[in-house]
Amino acid sequence: MTTQHTPGPWRLERAGPCVYVMAGRFCVATTSDERGGGVPPAMDNARLIAAAPEMLAALRLALTALDHDDATRVEIAAYDMVCAAIAKAEGKT
């Protein structure tokens, strides 16, 4: 099963306390500063969400770079983290 997401790049649009993550004319996500209670600011959340397509592509590339037989412990740990992050992004966890 291949998970399909709205292709990037995604951009940000701010309107009052809300920040919209947009892909073309479509809204991918909305964040708001009105929730309070220690929730990070809307713009910080929106930036992270907007970077998601590029981060997923970078993780997929990193996976190929880390996949070799003579890997160090750090490379093996990085490989495991990359696999877990990709699985999470694809809804496999």
Protein backbone atom coordinates (compact mmCIF):
# COMPACT_ATOMS: atom_id res chain seq x y z
CA MET A 1 0.00 0.00 0.00
CA THR A 2 1.37 3.39 -0.95
CA THR A 3 0.18 6.38 1.02
CA GLN A 4 -0.59 9.39 -1.15
CA HIS A 5 -0.14 12.88 0.18
CA THR A 6 -0.68 16.26 -1.38
CA PRO A 7 2.50 17.00 -3.31
CA GLY A 8 4.72 19.84 -2.12
CA PRO A 9 5.90 22.42 -1.98
CA TRP A 10 3.60 23.64 0.74
CA ARG A 11 3.46 27.31 1.78
CA LEU A 12 2.12 29.24 4.75
CA GLU A 13 -0.65 31.84 4.85
CA ARG A 14 -1.46 33.69 8.07
CA ALA A 15 -4.91 35.06 8.88
CA GLY A 16 -5.31 36.42 12.40
CA PRO A 17 -4.43 33.76 14.97
CA CYS A 18 -4.54 31.01 12.32
CA VAL A 19 -1.83 29.81 9.97
CA TYR A 20 -2.88 27.79 6.95
CA VAL A 21 -0.56 25.30 5.26
CA MET A 22 -1.42 25.52 1.58
CA ALA A 23 -0.64 23.34 -1.43
CA GLY A 24 -1.64 25.36 -4.42
CA ARG A 25 -5.17 26.54 -3.61
CA PHE A 26 -5.85 23.65 -1.22
CA CYS A 27 -5.51 23.86 2.57
CA VAL A 28 -3.44 20.95 3.89
CA ALA A 29 -3.56 21.94 7.58
CA THR A 30 -4.56 24.76 9.90
CA THR A 31 -2.93 25.77 13.17
CA SER A 32 -4.04 28.34 15.71
CA ASP A 33 -2.51 30.30 18.60
CA GLU A 34 -5.85 30.45 20.42
CA ARG A 35 -5.55 27.07 22.17
CA GLY A 36 -3.12 28.24 24.85
CA GLY A 37 -2.07 25.85 27.59
CA GLY A 38 1.57 25.65 26.57
CA VAL A 39 0.84 24.62 22.98
CA PRO A 40 3.64 25.84 20.68
CA PRO A 41 2.77 28.88 18.56
CA ALA A 42 0.81 28.28 15.37
CA MET A 43 3.63 29.47 13.10
CA ASP A 44 6.13 26.97 14.56
CA ASN A 45 3.68 24.10 14.05
CA ALA A 46 2.80 25.29 10.56
CA ARG A 47 6.47 25.53 9.52
CA LEU A 48 7.04 21.95 10.62
CA ILE A 49 3.95 20.74 8.76
CA ALA A 50 4.90 22.70 5.63
CA ALA A 51 8.35 21.06 5.58
CA ALA A 52 6.86 17.54 5.69
CA PRO A 53 7.07 16.72 1.94
CA GLU A 54 10.72 17.77 1.77
CA MET A 55 11.58 15.95 5.00
CA LEU A 56 9.97 12.73 3.74
CA ALA A 57 11.94 12.96 0.49
CA ALA A 58 15.16 13.57 2.46
CA LEU A 59 14.44 10.57 4.70
CA ARG A 60 13.89 8.33 1.69
CA LEU A 61 17.21 9.47 0.23
CA ALA A 62 18.97 9.00 3.58
CA LEU A 63 17.59 5.48 3.76
CA THR A 64 19.41 4.52 0.58
CA ALA A 65 22.63 6.13 1.82
CA LEU A 66 22.49 4.27 5.14
CA ASP A 67 21.62 0.86 3.70
CA HIS A 68 24.95 -0.98 3.52
CA ASP A 69 26.57 -4.01 5.17
CA ASP A 70 29.50 -2.30 6.93
CA ALA A 71 27.39 0.21 8.86
CA THR A 72 28.57 1.60 12.18
CA ARG A 73 26.38 1.57 15.31
CA VAL A 74 25.45 5.21 14.67
CA GLU A 75 24.52 4.47 11.07
CA ILE A 76 22.43 1.48 12.17
CA ALA A 77 20.64 3.66 14.76
CA ALA A 78 20.08 6.36 12.12
CA TYR A 79 18.78 3.75 9.66
CA ASP A 80 16.31 2.47 12.26
CA MET A 81 15.12 6.01 13.05
CA VAL A 82 14.72 6.84 9.36
CA CYS A 83 12.72 3.63 8.77
CA ALA A 84 10.47 4.42 11.74
CA ALA A 85 9.87 8.00 10.60
CA ILE A 86 9.01 6.93 7.06
CA ALA A 87 6.65 4.24 8.37
CA LYS A 88 4.94 6.81 10.58
CA ALA A 89 4.57 9.26 7.67
CA GLU A 90 3.10 6.49 5.51
CA GLY A 91 0.65 5.37 8.21
CA LYS A 92 2.32 2.00 8.75
CA THR A 93 2.73 2.35 12.53
